């Protein structure tokens, strides 16, 4: 292949890849919403596919900050009042993974179930 043809075919490959990405041919992680409201997580139980990375979007609807904390998932994230935070978890083995709100541990509790 001559040099101009090599450049043209490389450029075509880049355009095809960009087109596939723009059209969603490569699936992104599943995204799940977790709401903090009245110092509780809603839903308190989240089911995720085992073996797959997942994006949790934590929306703090309380007027005070909360810290999403999970020793099982090895994640900690402070979420200011009214704000959203993204937390990536997994891929996880099948099982139960607890999480809590560090500032309201008595009420802000939950579990991720990977199946």
N, C-alpha and C. Protein backbone atom coordinates (compact mmCIF):
# COMPACT_ATOMS: atom_id res chain seq x y z
N UNK A 1 0.85 -1.17 0.00
CA UNK A 1 0.00 0.00 0.00
C UNK A 1 0.89 1.23 0.00
N UNK A 2 0.56 2.19 -0.84
CA UNK A 2 1.36 3.42 -0.87
C UNK A 2 1.00 4.30 0.31
N UNK A 3 1.85 5.25 0.57
CA UNK A 3 1.67 6.12 1.73
C UNK A 3 0.33 6.86 1.70
N UNK A 4 -0.12 7.48 0.59
CA UNK A 4 -1.41 8.17 0.58
C UNK A 4 -2.57 7.21 0.89
N UNK A 5 -2.51 5.99 0.35
CA UNK A 5 -3.58 5.03 0.62
C UNK A 5 -3.60 4.62 2.08
N UNK A 6 -2.42 4.49 2.67
CA UNK A 6 -2.32 4.12 4.08
C UNK A 6 -2.93 5.21 4.95
N UNK A 7 -2.63 6.47 4.64
CA UNK A 7 -3.20 7.59 5.40
C UNK A 7 -4.71 7.64 5.23
N UNK A 8 -5.18 7.44 4.01
CA UNK A 8 -6.61 7.48 3.74
C UNK A 8 -7.35 6.37 4.47
N UNK A 9 -6.80 5.16 4.47
CA UNK A 9 -7.47 4.05 5.16
C UNK A 9 -7.42 4.25 6.67
N UNK A 10 -6.35 4.82 7.20
CA UNK A 10 -6.28 5.12 8.64
C UNK A 10 -7.32 6.16 9.02
N UNK A 11 -7.45 7.20 8.20
CA UNK A 11 -8.43 8.25 8.46
C UNK A 11 -9.85 7.68 8.39
N UNK A 12 -10.11 6.80 7.43
CA UNK A 12 -11.43 6.18 7.31
C UNK A 12 -11.74 5.35 8.56
N UNK A 13 -10.75 4.64 9.07
CA UNK A 13 -10.95 3.85 10.29
C UNK A 13 -11.31 4.72 11.48
N UNK A 14 -10.65 5.87 11.58
CA UNK A 14 -10.95 6.81 12.67
C UNK A 14 -12.37 7.33 12.54
N UNK A 15 -12.79 7.68 11.33
CA UNK A 15 -14.15 8.18 11.12
C UNK A 15 -15.20 7.13 11.45
N UNK A 16 -14.96 5.90 11.07
CA UNK A 16 -15.91 4.82 11.37
C UNK A 16 -16.00 4.61 12.88
N UNK A 17 -14.87 4.61 13.56
CA UNK A 17 -14.87 4.44 15.02
C UNK A 17 -15.63 5.57 15.70
N UNK A 18 -15.41 6.80 15.25
CA UNK A 18 -16.10 7.95 15.84
C UNK A 18 -17.59 7.86 15.59
N UNK A 19 -17.98 7.41 14.41
CA UNK A 19 -19.40 7.25 14.09
C UNK A 19 -20.06 6.20 14.97
N UNK A 20 -19.37 5.08 15.19
CA UNK A 20 -19.92 4.03 16.05
C UNK A 20 -20.08 4.53 17.48
N UNK A 21 -19.11 5.28 17.97
CA UNK A 21 -19.21 5.82 19.33
C UNK A 21 -20.37 6.80 19.44
N UNK A 22 -20.54 7.64 18.44
CA UNK A 22 -21.62 8.63 18.47
C UNK A 22 -22.99 7.96 18.42
N UNK A 23 -23.08 6.83 17.77
CA UNK A 23 -24.36 6.13 17.65
C UNK A 23 -24.60 5.13 18.76
N UNK A 24 -23.69 5.05 19.72
CA UNK A 24 -23.89 4.16 20.86
C UNK A 24 -23.62 2.70 20.57
N UNK A 25 -22.83 2.42 19.56
CA UNK A 25 -22.53 1.03 19.23
C UNK A 25 -21.73 0.37 20.35
N UNK A 26 -20.95 1.16 21.07
CA UNK A 26 -20.23 0.65 22.22
C UNK A 26 -21.02 1.05 23.45
N UNK A 27 -21.64 0.10 24.12
CA UNK A 27 -22.52 0.40 25.24
C UNK A 27 -21.74 0.94 26.43
N UNK A 28 -22.29 1.96 27.05
CA UNK A 28 -21.71 2.51 28.27
C UNK A 28 -22.19 1.68 29.46
N UNK A 29 -21.60 1.96 30.61
CA UNK A 29 -22.02 1.26 31.82
C UNK A 29 -23.49 1.56 32.09
N UNK A 30 -24.21 0.58 32.66
CA UNK A 30 -25.57 0.89 33.12
C UNK A 30 -25.49 1.99 34.18
N UNK A 31 -26.48 2.86 34.19
CA UNK A 31 -26.50 3.98 35.14
C UNK A 31 -27.72 3.83 36.03
N UNK A 32 -27.50 3.87 37.34
CA UNK A 32 -28.59 3.72 38.31
C UNK A 32 -28.63 4.94 39.21
N UNK A 33 -29.85 5.43 39.49
CA UNK A 33 -30.02 6.59 40.35
C UNK A 33 -30.27 6.16 41.78
N UNK A 34 -29.53 6.75 42.70
CA UNK A 34 -29.68 6.52 44.13
C UNK A 34 -29.91 7.88 44.76
N UNK A 35 -31.07 8.06 45.42
CA UNK A 35 -31.44 9.34 45.99
C UNK A 35 -31.24 9.32 47.50
N UNK A 36 -30.69 10.40 48.03
CA UNK A 36 -30.62 10.60 49.48
C UNK A 36 -31.72 11.59 49.82
N UNK A 37 -32.68 11.15 50.63
CA UNK A 37 -33.82 11.99 50.99
C UNK A 37 -34.24 11.63 52.41
N UNK A 38 -34.42 12.65 53.26
CA UNK A 38 -34.77 12.42 54.67
C UNK A 38 -33.74 11.52 55.35
N UNK A 39 -32.48 11.70 54.98
CA UNK A 39 -31.36 10.94 55.54
C UNK A 39 -31.49 9.44 55.31
N UNK A 40 -32.09 9.07 54.18
CA UNK A 40 -32.22 7.66 53.79
C UNK A 40 -31.86 7.54 52.31
N UNK A 41 -31.38 6.35 51.94
CA UNK A 41 -31.12 6.06 50.53
C UNK A 41 -32.38 5.45 49.92
N UNK A 42 -32.74 5.94 48.73
CA UNK A 42 -33.89 5.40 48.00
C UNK A 42 -33.45 5.08 46.58
N UNK A 43 -33.55 3.86 46.13
CA UNK A 43 -33.98 2.68 46.88
C UNK A 43 -32.85 2.22 47.81
N UNK A 44 -33.23 1.52 48.86
CA UNK A 44 -32.24 1.02 49.81
C UNK A 44 -31.59 -0.27 49.30
N UNK A 45 -32.19 -0.87 48.28
CA UNK A 45 -31.66 -2.10 47.69
C UNK A 45 -31.53 -1.89 46.19
N UNK A 46 -30.32 -2.10 45.69
CA UNK A 46 -30.04 -1.92 44.26
C UNK A 46 -29.54 -3.23 43.70
N UNK A 47 -30.14 -3.68 42.60
CA UNK A 47 -29.68 -4.90 41.93
C UNK A 47 -28.88 -4.51 40.70
N UNK A 48 -27.71 -5.13 40.56
CA UNK A 48 -26.82 -4.87 39.43
C UNK A 48 -26.39 -6.20 38.83
N UNK A 49 -26.03 -6.19 37.55
CA UNK A 49 -25.53 -7.43 36.95
C UNK A 49 -24.13 -7.76 37.46
N UNK A 50 -23.93 -8.99 37.87
CA UNK A 50 -22.59 -9.44 38.30
C UNK A 50 -21.65 -9.39 37.09
N UNK A 51 -20.40 -9.07 37.34
CA UNK A 51 -19.41 -9.07 36.28
C UNK A 51 -19.44 -7.87 35.36
N UNK A 52 -20.21 -6.84 35.72
CA UNK A 52 -20.32 -5.67 34.85
C UNK A 52 -20.11 -4.40 35.67
N UNK A 53 -19.39 -3.46 35.10
CA UNK A 53 -19.19 -2.16 35.75
C UNK A 53 -20.48 -1.36 35.68
N UNK A 54 -20.80 -0.63 36.76
CA UNK A 54 -22.04 0.13 36.86
C UNK A 54 -21.74 1.53 37.37
N UNK A 55 -22.49 2.50 36.88
CA UNK A 55 -22.36 3.88 37.35
C UNK A 55 -23.54 4.20 38.26
N UNK A 56 -23.25 4.50 39.53
CA UNK A 56 -24.28 4.97 40.45
C UNK A 56 -24.27 6.50 40.42
N UNK A 57 -25.43 7.09 40.21
CA UNK A 57 -25.56 8.54 40.30
C UNK A 57 -26.29 8.81 41.61
N UNK A 58 -25.58 9.39 42.57
CA UNK A 58 -26.14 9.66 43.89
C UNK A 58 -26.59 11.12 43.93
N UNK A 59 -27.91 11.31 44.14
CA UNK A 59 -28.49 12.66 44.19
C UNK A 59 -28.91 12.96 45.62
N UNK A 60 -28.24 13.91 46.24
CA UNK A 60 -28.54 14.29 47.62
C UNK A 60 -29.62 15.36 47.61
N UNK A 61 -30.85 14.98 47.97
CA UNK A 61 -31.96 15.92 48.01
C UNK A 61 -32.15 16.51 49.41
N UNK A 62 -31.28 16.16 50.35
CA UNK A 62 -31.34 16.73 51.69
C UNK A 62 -30.68 18.11 51.72
N UNK A 63 -30.90 18.82 52.82
CA UNK A 63 -30.31 20.15 52.99
C UNK A 63 -28.95 20.10 53.68
N UNK A 64 -28.46 18.89 53.93
CA UNK A 64 -27.15 18.70 54.57
C UNK A 64 -26.31 17.75 53.72
N UNK A 65 -24.99 17.82 53.83
CA UNK A 65 -24.15 16.90 53.06
C UNK A 65 -24.28 15.47 53.59
N UNK A 66 -23.93 14.53 52.75
CA UNK A 66 -23.89 13.12 53.15
C UNK A 66 -22.68 12.49 52.48
N UNK A 67 -22.14 11.48 53.13
CA UNK A 67 -21.03 10.75 52.53
C UNK A 67 -21.47 9.33 52.22
N UNK A 68 -21.48 9.00 50.93
CA UNK A 68 -21.71 7.61 50.53
C UNK A 68 -20.46 6.86 50.92
N UNK A 69 -20.64 5.81 51.73
CA UNK A 69 -19.48 5.04 52.18
C UNK A 69 -19.78 3.56 52.11
N UNK A 70 -18.83 2.81 51.56
CA UNK A 70 -18.96 1.36 51.50
C UNK A 70 -17.58 0.73 51.59
N UNK A 71 -17.36 0.04 52.70
CA UNK A 71 -16.11 -0.72 52.83
C UNK A 71 -16.13 -1.91 51.88
N UNK A 72 -17.32 -2.51 51.69
CA UNK A 72 -17.46 -3.66 50.79
C UNK A 72 -17.08 -3.30 49.35
N UNK A 73 -17.47 -2.09 48.93
CA UNK A 73 -17.21 -1.65 47.55
C UNK A 73 -15.93 -0.82 47.44
N UNK A 74 -15.31 -0.52 48.58
CA UNK A 74 -14.11 0.31 48.62
C UNK A 74 -14.36 1.68 47.97
N UNK A 75 -15.47 2.32 48.38
CA UNK A 75 -15.84 3.63 47.83
C UNK A 75 -16.26 4.58 48.95
N UNK A 76 -15.88 5.84 48.81
CA UNK A 76 -16.32 6.93 49.68
C UNK A 76 -16.50 8.17 48.81
N UNK A 77 -17.60 8.89 49.02
CA UNK A 77 -17.82 10.10 48.23
C UNK A 77 -18.74 11.03 49.00
N UNK A 78 -18.27 12.25 49.27
CA UNK A 78 -19.11 13.26 49.91
C UNK A 78 -19.99 13.88 48.83
N UNK A 79 -21.30 13.97 49.13
CA UNK A 79 -22.26 14.55 48.20
C UNK A 79 -22.89 15.77 48.89
N UNK A 80 -22.56 16.97 48.42
CA UNK A 80 -23.13 18.18 49.03
C UNK A 80 -24.65 18.24 48.88
N UNK A 81 -25.33 19.04 49.69
CA UNK A 81 -26.78 19.16 49.58
C UNK A 81 -27.18 19.65 48.19
N UNK A 82 -28.19 19.00 47.61
CA UNK A 82 -28.70 19.38 46.30
C UNK A 82 -27.84 18.94 45.13
N UNK A 83 -26.73 18.28 45.39
CA UNK A 83 -25.79 17.91 44.33
C UNK A 83 -25.93 16.44 43.93
N UNK A 84 -25.28 16.12 42.81
CA UNK A 84 -25.20 14.74 42.32
C UNK A 84 -23.73 14.35 42.24
N UNK A 85 -23.47 13.07 42.48
CA UNK A 85 -22.11 12.54 42.36
C UNK A 85 -22.18 11.21 41.64
N UNK A 86 -21.19 10.94 40.82
CA UNK A 86 -21.10 9.66 40.11
C UNK A 86 -20.09 8.77 40.80
N UNK A 87 -20.49 7.52 41.02
CA UNK A 87 -19.63 6.53 41.66
C UNK A 87 -19.65 5.28 40.79
N UNK A 88 -18.48 4.87 40.31
CA UNK A 88 -18.40 3.66 39.50
C UNK A 88 -18.07 2.48 40.40
N UNK A 89 -18.82 1.40 40.21
CA UNK A 89 -18.57 0.18 40.98
C UNK A 89 -18.47 -1.00 40.03
N UNK A 90 -17.76 -2.03 40.48
CA UNK A 90 -17.66 -3.25 39.71
C UNK A 90 -16.49 -3.23 38.75
N UNK A 91 -16.43 -4.32 38.00
CA UNK A 91 -17.35 -5.46 37.99
C UNK A 91 -17.30 -6.22 39.31
N UNK A 92 -18.48 -6.65 39.77
CA UNK A 92 -18.62 -7.32 41.06
C UNK A 92 -18.91 -8.80 40.89
N UNK A 93 -18.42 -9.58 41.83
CA UNK A 93 -18.82 -10.99 41.91
C UNK A 93 -20.22 -11.02 42.49
N UNK A 94 -20.97 -12.08 42.21
CA UNK A 94 -22.31 -12.21 42.77
C UNK A 94 -22.22 -12.13 44.29
N UNK A 95 -23.14 -11.35 44.88
CA UNK A 95 -23.13 -11.21 46.33
C UNK A 95 -23.80 -9.93 46.77
N UNK A 96 -23.71 -9.65 48.08
CA UNK A 96 -24.31 -8.47 48.70
C UNK A 96 -23.19 -7.54 49.18
N UNK A 97 -23.35 -6.25 48.89
CA UNK A 97 -22.36 -5.24 49.22
C UNK A 97 -23.08 -4.09 49.93
N UNK A 98 -22.79 -3.90 51.21
CA UNK A 98 -23.49 -2.87 51.97
C UNK A 98 -22.87 -1.49 51.76
N UNK A 99 -23.71 -0.46 51.94
CA UNK A 99 -23.25 0.93 51.93
C UNK A 99 -24.06 1.71 52.96
N UNK A 100 -23.54 2.86 53.34
CA UNK A 100 -24.25 3.69 54.31
C UNK A 100 -23.89 5.15 54.09
N UNK A 101 -24.64 6.01 54.78
CA UNK A 101 -24.31 7.42 54.83
C UNK A 101 -23.55 7.67 56.12
N UNK A 102 -22.31 8.07 56.00
CA UNK A 102 -21.48 8.20 57.20
C UNK A 102 -22.03 9.21 58.20
N UNK A 103 -22.71 10.26 57.71
CA UNK A 103 -23.20 11.29 58.62
C UNK A 103 -24.55 10.92 59.25
N UNK A 104 -25.23 9.91 58.72
CA UNK A 104 -26.53 9.48 59.25
C UNK A 104 -26.59 7.96 59.22
N UNK A 105 -25.65 7.31 59.88
CA UNK A 105 -25.53 5.85 59.80
C UNK A 105 -26.75 5.10 60.32
N UNK A 106 -27.50 5.70 61.24
CA UNK A 106 -28.66 5.00 61.80
C UNK A 106 -29.78 4.85 60.78
N UNK A 107 -29.89 5.78 59.84
CA UNK A 107 -31.00 5.73 58.88
C UNK A 107 -30.57 5.52 57.43
N UNK A 108 -29.40 6.02 57.06
CA UNK A 108 -28.94 5.94 55.67
C UNK A 108 -28.16 4.65 55.46
N UNK A 109 -28.89 3.60 55.10
CA UNK A 109 -28.29 2.28 54.88
C UNK A 109 -28.82 1.69 53.59
N UNK A 110 -28.00 0.86 52.97
CA UNK A 110 -28.45 0.19 51.76
C UNK A 110 -27.55 -0.97 51.40
N UNK A 111 -27.95 -1.64 50.32
CA UNK A 111 -27.18 -2.79 49.86
C UNK A 111 -27.23 -2.87 48.33
N UNK A 112 -26.10 -3.19 47.74
CA UNK A 112 -26.02 -3.50 46.31
C UNK A 112 -26.00 -5.02 46.21
N UNK A 113 -26.89 -5.56 45.38
CA UNK A 113 -26.95 -7.00 45.17
C UNK A 113 -26.53 -7.28 43.74
N UNK A 114 -25.41 -7.96 43.60
CA UNK A 114 -24.91 -8.34 42.27
C UNK A 114 -25.37 -9.76 41.99
N UNK A 115 -26.08 -9.94 40.87
CA UNK A 115 -26.56 -11.28 40.50
C UNK A 115 -26.41 -11.52 39.01
